[in-house]
């Protein structure tokens, strides 16, 4: 019964070693100013191990140095979701947004995961408070204050999560230009054109087209290759 577990552990260790080697190779390519090769290396690490702040940050840096501003913004934003208070990410993201001619946007102080943990923790504190009341039969001013404070924190965390929920549809234009059409076909003339790095919201999927909404409220159909979600589905 122990053999499969040992095999799994060995395979996991091997994957970690290979990912670390790929990360080092990507860093070496970046140092040699081979930015496209560095970006490919970082993407290989992500495919093997998933998202992490250091890899996303380095990937964004590689795309920025390679002149791919849309992909740089995309990966800085992904890193920012995982580390919303990282000054390096905020600073670099502001720089690349300005270079792309976009307005800067404030970062969230807490990530969605942190808000979820905060909500769960305060809910546990409230439950502990009611258990304390049941056991001790005491419900004085301190107990009421404890319940009220935790209830307020829980409510604030839930509201923040609710307001952030639509950001699951947030995407970044990664093409140099993205023509937007009035219908999910390319035989008509574009009604407007999105620029690289511009944030949009994905409203609907229809075959090989996405209905996106720009920050100014304009809507149009674009091809999936033109945009990529900040939070992958």
Protein backbone atom coordinates (compact mmCIF):
# COMPACT_ATOMS: atom_id res chain seq x y z
CA UNK A 1 0.00 0.00 0.00
CA UNK A 2 2.93 2.35 0.54
CA UNK A 3 4.47 1.87 -2.92
CA UNK A 4 1.94 4.05 -4.86
CA UNK A 5 2.41 6.85 -2.33
CA UNK A 6 6.19 6.67 -2.75
CA UNK A 7 5.83 6.76 -6.52
CA UNK A 8 3.53 9.77 -6.35
CA UNK A 9 5.92 11.57 -4.01
CA UNK A 10 8.85 10.79 -6.29
CA UNK A 11 6.98 12.05 -9.35
CA UNK A 12 6.00 15.23 -7.51
CA UNK A 13 9.61 15.80 -6.47
CA UNK A 14 10.78 15.21 -10.05
CA UNK A 15 8.22 17.70 -11.37
CA UNK A 16 9.34 20.28 -8.82
CA UNK A 17 13.00 19.80 -9.78
CA UNK A 18 12.19 20.12 -13.50
CA UNK A 19 10.09 23.25 -12.89
CA UNK A 20 12.91 24.79 -10.86
CA UNK A 21 15.34 24.05 -13.68
CA UNK A 22 12.98 25.62 -16.21
CA UNK A 23 12.64 28.69 -13.97
CA UNK A 24 16.44 29.03 -13.77
CA UNK A 25 16.74 28.66 -17.54
CA UNK A 26 14.09 31.32 -18.08
CA UNK A 27 15.91 33.65 -15.68
CA UNK A 28 19.15 33.05 -17.59
CA UNK A 29 17.41 33.86 -20.88
CA UNK A 30 16.04 37.07 -19.36
CA UNK A 31 19.51 38.07 -18.16
CA UNK A 32 20.78 37.53 -21.71
CA UNK A 33 17.95 39.76 -23.01
CA UNK A 34 16.30 36.87 -24.85
CA UNK A 35 12.93 37.99 -23.61
CA UNK A 36 10.73 35.83 -25.86
CA UNK A 37 12.63 32.71 -24.77
CA UNK A 38 12.36 33.81 -21.13
CA UNK A 39 8.59 34.27 -21.47
CA UNK A 40 8.24 30.80 -23.01
CA UNK A 41 10.23 29.35 -20.12
CA UNK A 42 8.10 31.03 -17.47
CA UNK A 43 4.92 29.87 -19.22
CA UNK A 44 6.29 26.31 -19.17
CA UNK A 45 6.76 26.59 -15.40
CA UNK A 46 3.16 27.80 -15.03
CA UNK A 47 1.85 24.90 -17.09
CA UNK A 48 3.78 22.50 -14.88
CA UNK A 49 3.16 24.01 -11.43
CA UNK A 50 0.37 26.59 -11.80
CA UNK A 51 0.41 30.27 -10.96
CA UNK A 52 2.79 31.78 -8.43
CA UNK A 53 3.74 35.39 -7.76
CA UNK A 54 7.48 35.13 -8.66
CA UNK A 55 6.82 33.38 -11.97
CA UNK A 56 3.96 35.69 -12.97
CA UNK A 57 6.02 38.75 -12.05
CA UNK A 58 9.03 37.58 -14.07
CA UNK A 59 6.76 36.59 -16.96
CA UNK A 60 5.22 40.07 -16.98
CA UNK A 61 8.68 41.63 -16.91
CA UNK A 62 9.75 39.50 -19.89
CA UNK A 63 6.67 40.47 -21.90
CA UNK A 64 7.19 44.14 -21.04
CA UNK A 65 10.82 44.06 -22.20
CA UNK A 66 9.70 42.22 -25.35
CA UNK A 67 7.23 45.01 -26.14
CA UNK A 68 4.09 42.95 -25.49
CA UNK A 69 2.34 45.41 -23.21
CA UNK A 70 -1.02 43.62 -23.15
CA UNK A 71 0.45 40.34 -21.95
CA UNK A 72 2.62 42.23 -19.46
CA UNK A 73 -0.44 43.95 -17.95
CA UNK A 74 -2.32 40.64 -17.90
CA UNK A 75 0.36 38.88 -15.88
CA UNK A 76 1.06 41.81 -13.57
CA UNK A 77 -2.66 41.83 -12.74
CA UNK A 78 -2.63 38.08 -12.13
CA UNK A 79 0.34 38.50 -9.79
CA UNK A 80 -1.44 41.40 -8.09
CA UNK A 81 -4.46 39.19 -7.38
CA UNK A 82 -2.18 36.84 -5.44
CA UNK A 83 -0.14 39.60 -3.78
CA UNK A 84 -2.27 42.77 -3.65
CA UNK A 85 0.16 44.67 -1.40
CA UNK A 86 3.38 43.96 -3.32
CA UNK A 87 4.97 47.33 -4.08
CA UNK A 88 7.10 46.00 -6.97
CA UNK A 89 4.05 44.65 -8.78
CA UNK A 90 2.07 47.87 -8.26
CA UNK A 91 4.97 50.01 -9.47
CA UNK A 92 5.67 47.97 -12.60
CA UNK A 93 1.99 47.71 -13.45
CA UNK A 94 1.63 51.49 -13.20
CA UNK A 95 4.63 51.97 -15.50
CA UNK A 96 3.37 49.62 -18.21
CA UNK A 97 -0.17 51.03 -18.05
CA UNK A 98 1.17 54.53 -18.58
CA UNK A 99 3.29 53.31 -21.50
CA UNK A 100 0.17 51.74 -23.02
CA UNK A 101 -1.68 55.06 -22.60
CA UNK A 102 -4.05 53.67 -19.98
CA UNK A 103 -5.23 55.17 -16.71
CA UNK A 104 -3.80 53.65 -13.55
CA UNK A 105 -6.13 51.71 -11.27
CA UNK A 106 -5.87 51.24 -7.49
CA UNK A 107 -5.08 47.76 -6.23
CA UNK A 108 -7.20 45.94 -3.68
CA UNK A 109 -5.75 45.89 -0.18
CA UNK A 110 -6.90 42.29 0.41
CA UNK A 111 -7.04 39.48 -2.12
CA UNK A 112 -10.22 37.48 -2.66
CA UNK A 113 -8.66 34.52 -0.84
CA UNK A 114 -7.78 36.74 2.12
CA UNK A 115 -11.32 38.11 2.21
CA UNK A 116 -12.69 34.57 2.18
CA UNK A 117 -10.38 33.58 5.07
CA UNK A 118 -11.41 36.72 6.96
CA UNK A 119 -15.09 35.92 6.49
CA UNK A 120 -14.59 32.32 7.61
CA UNK A 121 -12.54 33.37 10.63
CA UNK A 122 -15.07 35.95 11.83
CA UNK A 123 -17.90 33.47 11.31
CA UNK A 124 -15.99 31.06 13.55
CA UNK A 125 -15.52 33.80 16.16
CA UNK A 126 -19.27 34.48 16.13
CA UNK A 127 -20.03 30.77 16.54
CA UNK A 128 -17.53 30.59 19.42
CA UNK A 129 -19.24 33.56 21.02
CA UNK A 130 -22.64 31.90 20.93
CA UNK A 131 -21.13 28.66 22.23
CA UNK A 132 -19.58 30.62 25.10
CA UNK A 133 -22.99 32.10 25.88
CA UNK A 134 -24.63 28.67 25.90
CA UNK A 135 -22.00 27.24 28.23
CA UNK A 136 -21.65 30.15 30.65
CA UNK A 137 -25.19 31.56 30.39
CA UNK A 138 -23.58 34.99 30.26
CA UNK A 139 -24.31 37.67 27.69
CA UNK A 140 -22.89 40.90 29.06
CA UNK A 141 -21.67 44.03 27.29
CA UNK A 142 -18.34 42.46 26.34
CA UNK A 143 -20.13 39.51 24.70
CA UNK A 144 -22.42 41.84 22.74
CA UNK A 145 -19.43 43.89 21.62
CA UNK A 146 -17.61 40.74 20.50
CA UNK A 147 -20.58 39.60 18.42
CA UNK A 148 -21.20 43.08 16.98
CA UNK A 149 -17.59 43.67 15.93
CA UNK A 150 -17.24 40.27 14.28
CA UNK A 151 -20.61 40.62 12.59
CA UNK A 152 -19.55 43.96 11.12
CA UNK A 153 -16.26 42.51 9.86
CA UNK A 154 -18.09 39.52 8.38
CA UNK A 155 -20.59 41.79 6.63
CA UNK A 156 -17.82 44.01 5.23
CA UNK A 157 -15.89 40.99 3.92
CA UNK A 158 -19.01 39.54 2.29
CA UNK A 159 -19.88 42.86 0.64
CA UNK A 160 -16.31 43.20 -0.68
CA UNK A 161 -16.44 39.67 -2.10
CA UNK A 162 -19.84 40.35 -3.68
CA UNK A 163 -18.60 43.58 -5.30
CA UNK A 164 -15.49 41.80 -6.57
CA UNK A 165 -17.43 38.88 -8.05
CA UNK A 166 -17.94 40.53 -11.48
CA UNK A 167 -14.16 40.80 -11.85
CA UNK A 168 -14.18 37.13 -12.81
CA UNK A 169 -15.21 38.45 -16.24
CA UNK A 170 -12.32 40.94 -16.39
CA UNK A 171 -10.01 40.46 -19.35
CA UNK A 172 -7.11 42.27 -20.97
CA UNK A 173 -6.65 42.95 -24.68
CA UNK A 174 -3.47 41.09 -25.64
CA UNK A 175 -3.57 41.78 -29.38
CA UNK A 176 -1.99 44.96 -30.76
CA UNK A 177 -5.46 45.99 -31.92
CA UNK A 178 -8.78 44.20 -31.49
CA UNK A 179 -11.59 45.16 -33.87
CA UNK A 180 -15.01 44.90 -32.22
CA UNK A 181 -18.01 43.99 -34.37
CA UNK A 182 -21.72 44.64 -33.97
CA UNK A 183 -22.45 40.90 -34.37
CA UNK A 184 -20.42 37.69 -33.89
CA UNK A 185 -19.17 37.71 -37.51
CA UNK A 186 -16.22 39.38 -39.22
CA UNK A 187 -17.94 40.22 -42.52
CA UNK A 188 -19.12 43.60 -41.21
CA UNK A 189 -17.03 46.68 -40.50
CA UNK A 190 -15.77 47.06 -36.91
CA UNK A 191 -17.81 49.47 -34.82
CA UNK A 192 -14.74 50.35 -32.74
CA UNK A 193 -11.24 49.08 -32.05
CA UNK A 194 -9.74 48.12 -28.71
CA UNK A 195 -6.08 48.80 -28.00
CA UNK A 196 -3.45 46.54 -26.49
CA UNK A 197 -3.56 46.36 -22.70
CA UNK A 198 -7.06 47.80 -22.46
CA UNK A 199 -9.25 46.15 -19.77
CA UNK A 200 -12.66 44.83 -20.79
CA UNK A 201 -15.41 42.71 -19.29
CA UNK A 202 -16.55 39.54 -21.04
CA UNK A 203 -20.34 39.54 -21.14
CA UNK A 204 -21.23 36.63 -23.40
CA UNK A 205 -19.72 33.80 -25.43
CA UNK A 206 -21.12 32.89 -28.85
CA UNK A 207 -19.21 30.27 -30.78
CA UNK A 208 -15.85 31.74 -31.78
CA UNK A 209 -16.66 35.22 -30.51
CA UNK A 210 -16.83 37.03 -27.20
CA UNK A 211 -19.09 39.96 -26.39
CA UNK A 212 -16.94 42.41 -24.43
CA UNK A 213 -17.70 45.69 -22.73
CA UNK A 214 -15.09 48.44 -22.56
CA UNK A 215 -14.72 50.82 -19.64
CA UNK A 216 -16.75 53.50 -21.43
CA UNK A 217 -19.72 51.14 -21.83
CA UNK A 218 -19.25 50.30 -25.52
CA UNK A 219 -19.96 46.69 -26.42
CA UNK A 220 -18.76 44.64 -29.35
CA UNK A 221 -17.86 41.13 -30.46
CA UNK A 222 -14.17 40.16 -30.63
CA UNK A 223 -12.28 36.97 -31.33
CA UNK A 224 -11.02 35.00 -28.30
CA UNK A 225 -7.41 35.39 -29.46
CA UNK A 226 -7.66 39.15 -28.92
CA UNK A 227 -8.34 39.05 -25.18
CA UNK A 228 -7.53 36.86 -22.20
CA UNK A 229 -9.22 36.63 -18.82
CA UNK A 230 -7.25 37.83 -15.80
CA UNK A 231 -8.75 34.95 -13.80
CA UNK A 232 -8.56 31.87 -16.07
CA UNK A 233 -11.70 29.76 -16.28
